């Protein structure tokens, strides 16, 4: 699957975001080594610590379906700026990905830039 298609899935996921506190909708899509995709959204909570990011939602859905190897993730929001995964999401992605995992950071205009997880999280805690 190419980066633009994975980003389109992330963009489509935004409509399901539950973000009444920040009004910052985020959608994500992960691509697994087996070729399956899993989407996710941010889900906020009045107790802010209970909020979960879109990237982690997508990863946890993949893991719940038996997938353990992430090769790419795409992230989209309503921002004019590129949307990057937060630090916790980077570490969760590293648990199921590696330094070469592609991270596709999009904006509301469908533009994107691509990094590797190793670039975004050097010297990560890893099981490897």
N, C-alpha and C. Protein backbone atom coordinates (compact mmCIF):
# COMPACT_ATOMS: atom_id res chain seq x y z
N UNK A 1 0.85 -1.17 0.00
CA UNK A 1 0.00 0.00 0.00
C UNK A 1 0.90 1.24 0.00
N UNK A 2 0.56 2.22 -0.83
CA UNK A 2 1.39 3.41 -0.86
C UNK A 2 0.99 4.38 0.25
N UNK A 3 1.89 5.35 0.51
CA UNK A 3 1.71 6.28 1.62
C UNK A 3 0.44 7.11 1.47
N UNK A 4 0.12 7.54 0.26
CA UNK A 4 -1.05 8.39 0.04
C UNK A 4 -2.34 7.64 0.39
N UNK A 5 -2.42 6.36 0.04
CA UNK A 5 -3.61 5.55 0.34
C UNK A 5 -3.76 5.34 1.86
N UNK A 6 -2.65 5.07 2.53
CA UNK A 6 -2.71 4.89 3.98
C UNK A 6 -3.13 6.19 4.65
N UNK A 7 -2.65 7.32 4.16
CA UNK A 7 -3.05 8.61 4.70
C UNK A 7 -4.54 8.87 4.46
N UNK A 8 -5.05 8.46 3.31
CA UNK A 8 -6.49 8.63 3.02
C UNK A 8 -7.34 7.87 4.03
N UNK A 9 -6.89 6.70 4.44
CA UNK A 9 -7.61 5.94 5.46
C UNK A 9 -7.59 6.70 6.78
N UNK A 10 -6.44 7.25 7.15
CA UNK A 10 -6.34 8.05 8.38
C UNK A 10 -7.25 9.26 8.32
N UNK A 11 -7.26 9.93 7.17
CA UNK A 11 -8.13 11.11 6.99
C UNK A 11 -9.60 10.74 7.16
N UNK A 12 -9.99 9.62 6.60
CA UNK A 12 -11.38 9.17 6.70
C UNK A 12 -11.75 8.83 8.15
N UNK A 13 -10.81 8.33 8.91
CA UNK A 13 -11.08 7.96 10.29
C UNK A 13 -11.45 9.16 11.16
N UNK A 14 -10.95 10.34 10.82
CA UNK A 14 -11.17 11.53 11.65
C UNK A 14 -12.64 11.77 11.97
N UNK A 15 -13.51 11.39 11.07
CA UNK A 15 -14.95 11.66 11.29
C UNK A 15 -15.48 10.95 12.54
N UNK A 16 -14.78 9.92 13.00
CA UNK A 16 -15.21 9.18 14.18
C UNK A 16 -14.52 9.63 15.46
N UNK A 17 -13.67 10.64 15.37
CA UNK A 17 -12.97 11.14 16.55
C UNK A 17 -13.96 11.60 17.62
N UNK A 18 -13.61 11.34 18.86
CA UNK A 18 -14.38 11.85 19.99
C UNK A 18 -13.47 12.85 20.70
N UNK A 19 -13.62 14.12 20.36
CA UNK A 19 -12.70 15.14 20.87
C UNK A 19 -13.45 16.41 21.32
N UNK A 20 -14.40 16.26 22.26
CA UNK A 20 -15.20 17.41 22.68
C UNK A 20 -14.44 18.44 23.52
N UNK A 21 -13.29 18.08 24.05
CA UNK A 21 -12.55 18.98 24.93
C UNK A 21 -11.52 19.80 24.16
N UNK A 22 -10.82 19.18 23.25
CA UNK A 22 -9.79 19.89 22.48
C UNK A 22 -10.29 20.35 21.11
N UNK A 23 -11.36 19.71 20.63
CA UNK A 23 -11.83 19.96 19.26
C UNK A 23 -10.70 19.73 18.24
N UNK A 24 -9.81 18.81 18.54
CA UNK A 24 -8.69 18.49 17.67
C UNK A 24 -8.85 17.03 17.23
N UNK A 25 -9.50 16.86 16.07
CA UNK A 25 -9.75 15.51 15.57
C UNK A 25 -8.48 14.93 14.96
N UNK A 26 -8.20 13.67 15.30
CA UNK A 26 -7.05 12.97 14.74
C UNK A 26 -7.50 11.59 14.29
N UNK A 27 -7.04 11.21 13.12
CA UNK A 27 -7.26 9.86 12.61
C UNK A 27 -5.91 9.23 12.31
N UNK A 28 -5.83 7.94 12.45
CA UNK A 28 -4.58 7.22 12.17
C UNK A 28 -4.91 5.90 11.48
N UNK A 29 -3.94 5.41 10.75
CA UNK A 29 -4.06 4.09 10.13
C UNK A 29 -2.70 3.42 10.20
N UNK A 30 -2.69 2.16 10.63
CA UNK A 30 -1.45 1.39 10.64
C UNK A 30 -1.52 0.30 9.58
N UNK A 31 -0.40 0.04 9.00
CA UNK A 31 -0.24 -1.05 8.04
C UNK A 31 0.63 -2.10 8.68
N UNK A 32 0.16 -3.34 8.68
CA UNK A 32 0.92 -4.42 9.29
C UNK A 32 1.74 -5.15 8.23
N UNK A 33 2.67 -5.94 8.71
CA UNK A 33 3.53 -6.70 7.81
C UNK A 33 2.73 -7.64 6.92
N UNK A 34 1.60 -8.12 7.41
CA UNK A 34 0.75 -9.03 6.63
C UNK A 34 -0.08 -8.29 5.57
N UNK A 35 -0.01 -6.95 5.56
CA UNK A 35 -0.74 -6.16 4.58
C UNK A 35 -2.09 -5.66 5.04
N UNK A 36 -2.46 -5.96 6.27
CA UNK A 36 -3.75 -5.48 6.80
C UNK A 36 -3.61 -4.06 7.32
N UNK A 37 -4.71 -3.31 7.26
CA UNK A 37 -4.73 -1.96 7.82
C UNK A 37 -5.75 -1.88 8.95
N UNK A 38 -5.43 -1.04 9.90
CA UNK A 38 -6.29 -0.82 11.05
C UNK A 38 -6.35 0.68 11.31
N UNK A 39 -7.55 1.23 11.43
CA UNK A 39 -7.72 2.65 11.68
C UNK A 39 -8.01 2.92 13.13
N UNK A 40 -7.77 4.16 13.53
CA UNK A 40 -8.05 4.57 14.89
C UNK A 40 -8.28 6.06 14.97
N UNK A 41 -8.89 6.50 16.05
CA UNK A 41 -9.14 7.92 16.30
C UNK A 41 -8.76 8.25 17.74
N UNK A 42 -8.59 9.55 18.00
CA UNK A 42 -8.40 9.96 19.37
C UNK A 42 -9.74 9.92 20.09
N UNK A 43 -9.70 9.47 21.34
CA UNK A 43 -10.89 9.39 22.17
C UNK A 43 -10.57 10.09 23.48
N UNK A 44 -11.19 11.26 23.66
CA UNK A 44 -10.92 12.06 24.85
C UNK A 44 -11.83 11.65 25.99
N UNK A 45 -11.46 12.10 27.18
CA UNK A 45 -12.20 11.79 28.39
C UNK A 45 -12.13 13.00 29.31
N UNK A 46 -13.17 13.22 30.08
CA UNK A 46 -13.18 14.34 31.02
C UNK A 46 -12.01 14.26 31.99
N UNK A 47 -11.58 13.06 32.31
CA UNK A 47 -10.35 12.85 33.07
C UNK A 47 -9.24 12.71 32.03
N UNK A 48 -8.55 13.79 31.75
CA UNK A 48 -7.66 13.86 30.59
C UNK A 48 -6.65 12.71 30.50
N UNK A 49 -6.24 12.18 31.62
CA UNK A 49 -5.29 11.06 31.62
C UNK A 49 -5.86 9.80 30.97
N UNK A 50 -7.17 9.72 30.88
CA UNK A 50 -7.82 8.55 30.28
C UNK A 50 -7.99 8.69 28.78
N UNK A 51 -7.54 9.80 28.21
CA UNK A 51 -7.61 10.03 26.77
C UNK A 51 -6.61 9.13 26.05
N UNK A 52 -6.97 8.69 24.85
CA UNK A 52 -6.06 7.87 24.04
C UNK A 52 -5.93 8.50 22.65
N UNK A 53 -4.72 8.46 22.15
CA UNK A 53 -4.43 9.02 20.82
C UNK A 53 -4.88 8.06 19.72
N UNK A 54 -5.08 8.61 18.54
CA UNK A 54 -5.51 7.82 17.39
C UNK A 54 -4.50 6.74 17.03
N UNK A 55 -3.23 7.05 17.12
CA UNK A 55 -2.20 6.09 16.75
C UNK A 55 -2.25 4.85 17.64
N UNK A 56 -2.38 5.08 18.94
CA UNK A 56 -2.44 3.94 19.87
C UNK A 56 -3.73 3.15 19.67
N UNK A 57 -4.83 3.84 19.39
CA UNK A 57 -6.08 3.13 19.11
C UNK A 57 -5.88 2.17 17.93
N UNK A 58 -5.27 2.66 16.86
CA UNK A 58 -5.05 1.83 15.67
C UNK A 58 -4.11 0.67 15.97
N UNK A 59 -3.03 0.93 16.70
CA UNK A 59 -2.08 -0.14 17.05
C UNK A 59 -2.77 -1.18 17.91
N UNK A 60 -3.53 -0.75 18.90
CA UNK A 60 -4.18 -1.71 19.80
C UNK A 60 -5.23 -2.54 19.07
N UNK A 61 -5.90 -1.94 18.08
CA UNK A 61 -6.83 -2.72 17.27
C UNK A 61 -6.07 -3.78 16.48
N UNK A 62 -4.94 -3.42 15.93
CA UNK A 62 -4.12 -4.39 15.17
C UNK A 62 -3.67 -5.52 16.08
N UNK A 63 -3.16 -5.17 17.24
CA UNK A 63 -2.68 -6.19 18.17
C UNK A 63 -3.84 -7.08 18.63
N UNK A 64 -5.01 -6.49 18.86
CA UNK A 64 -6.18 -7.26 19.27
C UNK A 64 -6.62 -8.25 18.20
N UNK A 65 -6.27 -7.96 16.94
CA UNK A 65 -6.60 -8.85 15.83
C UNK A 65 -5.48 -9.86 15.56
N UNK A 66 -4.46 -9.87 16.42
CA UNK A 66 -3.39 -10.84 16.28
C UNK A 66 -2.17 -10.36 15.52
N UNK A 67 -2.19 -9.11 15.08
CA UNK A 67 -1.05 -8.56 14.34
C UNK A 67 0.00 -8.06 15.34
N UNK A 68 1.25 -8.31 15.05
CA UNK A 68 2.33 -7.92 15.96
C UNK A 68 3.44 -7.14 15.28
N UNK A 69 3.34 -6.89 13.96
CA UNK A 69 4.40 -6.18 13.26
C UNK A 69 3.82 -5.05 12.43
N UNK A 70 4.14 -3.83 12.83
CA UNK A 70 3.68 -2.62 12.14
C UNK A 70 4.80 -2.17 11.19
N UNK A 71 4.45 -1.90 9.94
CA UNK A 71 5.45 -1.41 8.98
C UNK A 71 5.27 0.07 8.65
N UNK A 72 4.07 0.61 8.89
CA UNK A 72 3.82 2.03 8.61
C UNK A 72 2.63 2.52 9.42
N UNK A 73 2.63 3.81 9.68
CA UNK A 73 1.50 4.47 10.31
C UNK A 73 1.31 5.82 9.62
N UNK A 74 0.07 6.19 9.39
CA UNK A 74 -0.26 7.50 8.84
C UNK A 74 -1.13 8.24 9.84
N UNK A 75 -0.89 9.55 9.97
CA UNK A 75 -1.60 10.36 10.94
C UNK A 75 -2.13 11.60 10.24
N UNK A 76 -3.39 11.93 10.50
CA UNK A 76 -4.01 13.10 9.90
C UNK A 76 -4.82 13.84 10.96
N UNK A 77 -4.83 15.16 10.86
CA UNK A 77 -5.66 15.97 11.76
C UNK A 77 -6.26 17.13 10.98
N UNK A 78 -6.92 18.02 11.68
CA UNK A 78 -7.50 19.20 11.06
C UNK A 78 -6.54 20.39 11.07
N UNK A 79 -5.28 20.14 11.35
CA UNK A 79 -4.28 21.20 11.44
C UNK A 79 -3.69 21.54 10.07
N UNK A 80 -3.27 22.79 9.93
CA UNK A 80 -2.52 23.18 8.73
C UNK A 80 -1.11 22.60 8.77
N UNK A 81 -0.63 22.31 9.97
CA UNK A 81 0.72 21.76 10.16
C UNK A 81 0.68 20.24 10.09
N UNK A 82 1.81 19.63 9.82
CA UNK A 82 1.90 18.18 9.85
C UNK A 82 1.64 17.69 11.27
N UNK A 83 0.99 16.56 11.39
CA UNK A 83 0.67 15.99 12.69
C UNK A 83 1.61 14.83 12.97
N UNK A 84 2.35 14.95 14.05
CA UNK A 84 3.33 13.94 14.47
C UNK A 84 2.79 13.14 15.64
N UNK A 85 3.22 11.90 15.81
CA UNK A 85 2.81 11.14 16.98
C UNK A 85 3.47 11.69 18.24
N UNK A 86 2.76 11.65 19.34
CA UNK A 86 3.32 12.09 20.62
C UNK A 86 4.38 11.08 21.07
N UNK A 87 5.07 11.39 22.14
CA UNK A 87 6.13 10.52 22.64
C UNK A 87 5.63 9.14 23.06
N UNK A 88 4.50 9.08 23.74
CA UNK A 88 3.96 7.78 24.16
C UNK A 88 3.62 6.95 22.93
N UNK A 89 2.99 7.57 21.94
CA UNK A 89 2.64 6.84 20.72
C UNK A 89 3.89 6.35 19.99
N UNK A 90 4.94 7.16 19.98
CA UNK A 90 6.19 6.73 19.34
C UNK A 90 6.72 5.47 20.01
N UNK A 91 6.66 5.43 21.32
CA UNK A 91 7.15 4.26 22.04
C UNK A 91 6.27 3.04 21.79
N UNK A 92 4.95 3.22 21.75
CA UNK A 92 4.04 2.11 21.45
C UNK A 92 4.29 1.61 20.02
N UNK A 93 4.45 2.52 19.08
CA UNK A 93 4.77 2.11 17.70
C UNK A 93 6.07 1.32 17.66
N UNK A 94 7.04 1.71 18.47
CA UNK A 94 8.33 1.01 18.48
C UNK A 94 8.20 -0.39 19.05
N UNK A 95 7.24 -0.60 19.92
CA UNK A 95 7.01 -1.94 20.47
C UNK A 95 6.65 -2.93 19.37
N UNK A 96 5.93 -2.46 18.35
CA UNK A 96 5.46 -3.35 17.30
C UNK A 96 6.07 -3.02 15.94
N UNK A 97 6.95 -2.06 15.90
CA UNK A 97 7.65 -1.69 14.68
C UNK A 97 9.15 -1.70 14.93
N UNK A 98 9.89 -1.12 14.02
CA UNK A 98 11.33 -1.02 14.20
C UNK A 98 11.80 0.34 13.70
N UNK A 99 13.10 0.54 13.68
CA UNK A 99 13.63 1.84 13.27
C UNK A 99 13.22 2.23 11.86
N UNK A 100 12.90 1.25 11.00
CA UNK A 100 12.54 1.52 9.61
C UNK A 100 11.03 1.71 9.39
N UNK A 101 10.23 1.57 10.43
CA UNK A 101 8.79 1.77 10.30
C UNK A 101 8.53 3.18 9.77
N UNK A 102 7.73 3.27 8.70
CA UNK A 102 7.43 4.57 8.10
C UNK A 102 6.35 5.29 8.91
N UNK A 103 6.59 6.58 9.15
CA UNK A 103 5.64 7.43 9.86
C UNK A 103 5.24 8.55 8.90
N UNK A 104 4.00 8.50 8.43
CA UNK A 104 3.48 9.43 7.44
C UNK A 104 2.69 10.50 8.19
N UNK A 105 3.20 11.70 8.20
CA UNK A 105 2.61 12.80 8.96
C UNK A 105 1.88 13.73 8.01
N UNK A 106 0.55 13.77 8.13
CA UNK A 106 -0.26 14.57 7.21
C UNK A 106 -0.82 15.82 7.85
N UNK A 107 -1.45 16.64 7.01
CA UNK A 107 -2.17 17.82 7.50
C UNK A 107 -3.57 17.82 6.88
N UNK A 108 -4.35 18.85 7.17
CA UNK A 108 -5.74 18.87 6.71
C UNK A 108 -5.87 19.05 5.21
N UNK A 109 -4.80 19.43 4.54
CA UNK A 109 -4.82 19.64 3.10
C UNK A 109 -4.41 18.41 2.31
N UNK A 110 -4.17 17.30 2.99
CA UNK A 110 -3.75 16.08 2.31
C UNK A 110 -2.27 16.04 1.98
N UNK A 111 -1.53 17.04 2.42
CA UNK A 111 -0.08 17.05 2.22
C UNK A 111 0.54 16.19 3.31
N UNK A 112 1.72 15.65 3.04
CA UNK A 112 2.37 14.81 4.04
C UNK A 112 3.88 14.81 3.87
N UNK A 113 4.53 14.39 4.93
CA UNK A 113 5.96 14.17 4.94
C UNK A 113 6.19 12.83 5.62
N UNK A 114 7.28 12.17 5.30
CA UNK A 114 7.53 10.82 5.81
C UNK A 114 8.86 10.77 6.55
N UNK A 115 8.83 10.15 7.70
CA UNK A 115 10.02 9.91 8.50
C UNK A 115 10.08 8.42 8.82
N UNK A 116 11.18 7.98 9.33
CA UNK A 116 11.23 6.64 9.91
C UNK A 116 11.04 6.80 11.41
N UNK A 117 10.60 5.74 12.04
CA UNK A 117 10.43 5.76 13.49
C UNK A 117 11.78 5.98 14.17
N UNK A 118 12.84 5.44 13.58
CA UNK A 118 14.18 5.65 14.13
C UNK A 118 14.58 7.12 14.14
N UNK A 119 14.12 7.88 13.15
CA UNK A 119 14.39 9.31 13.13
C UNK A 119 13.61 10.04 14.22
N UNK A 120 12.38 9.62 14.45
CA UNK A 120 11.52 10.29 15.41
C UNK A 120 11.74 9.83 16.85
N UNK A 121 12.31 8.64 17.02
CA UNK A 121 12.54 8.11 18.37
C UNK A 121 13.89 7.38 18.41
N UNK A 122 14.97 8.15 18.34
CA UNK A 122 16.28 7.49 18.40
C UNK A 122 16.53 6.92 19.81
N UNK A 123 17.26 5.85 19.87
CA UNK A 123 17.62 5.23 21.15
C UNK A 123 16.41 4.81 21.97
N UNK A 124 15.39 4.30 21.28
CA UNK A 124 14.15 3.90 21.94
C UNK A 124 14.36 2.67 22.82
N UNK A 125 13.51 2.55 23.84
CA UNK A 125 13.43 1.29 24.57
C UNK A 125 12.90 0.26 23.58
N UNK A 126 13.50 -0.92 23.55
CA UNK A 126 13.11 -1.91 22.57
C UNK A 126 13.31 -3.31 23.11
N UNK A 127 12.47 -4.22 22.62
CA UNK A 127 12.62 -5.63 22.98
C UNK A 127 13.71 -6.28 22.15
N UNK A 128 14.15 -5.59 21.09
CA UNK A 128 15.16 -6.16 20.18
C UNK A 128 16.56 -5.83 20.61
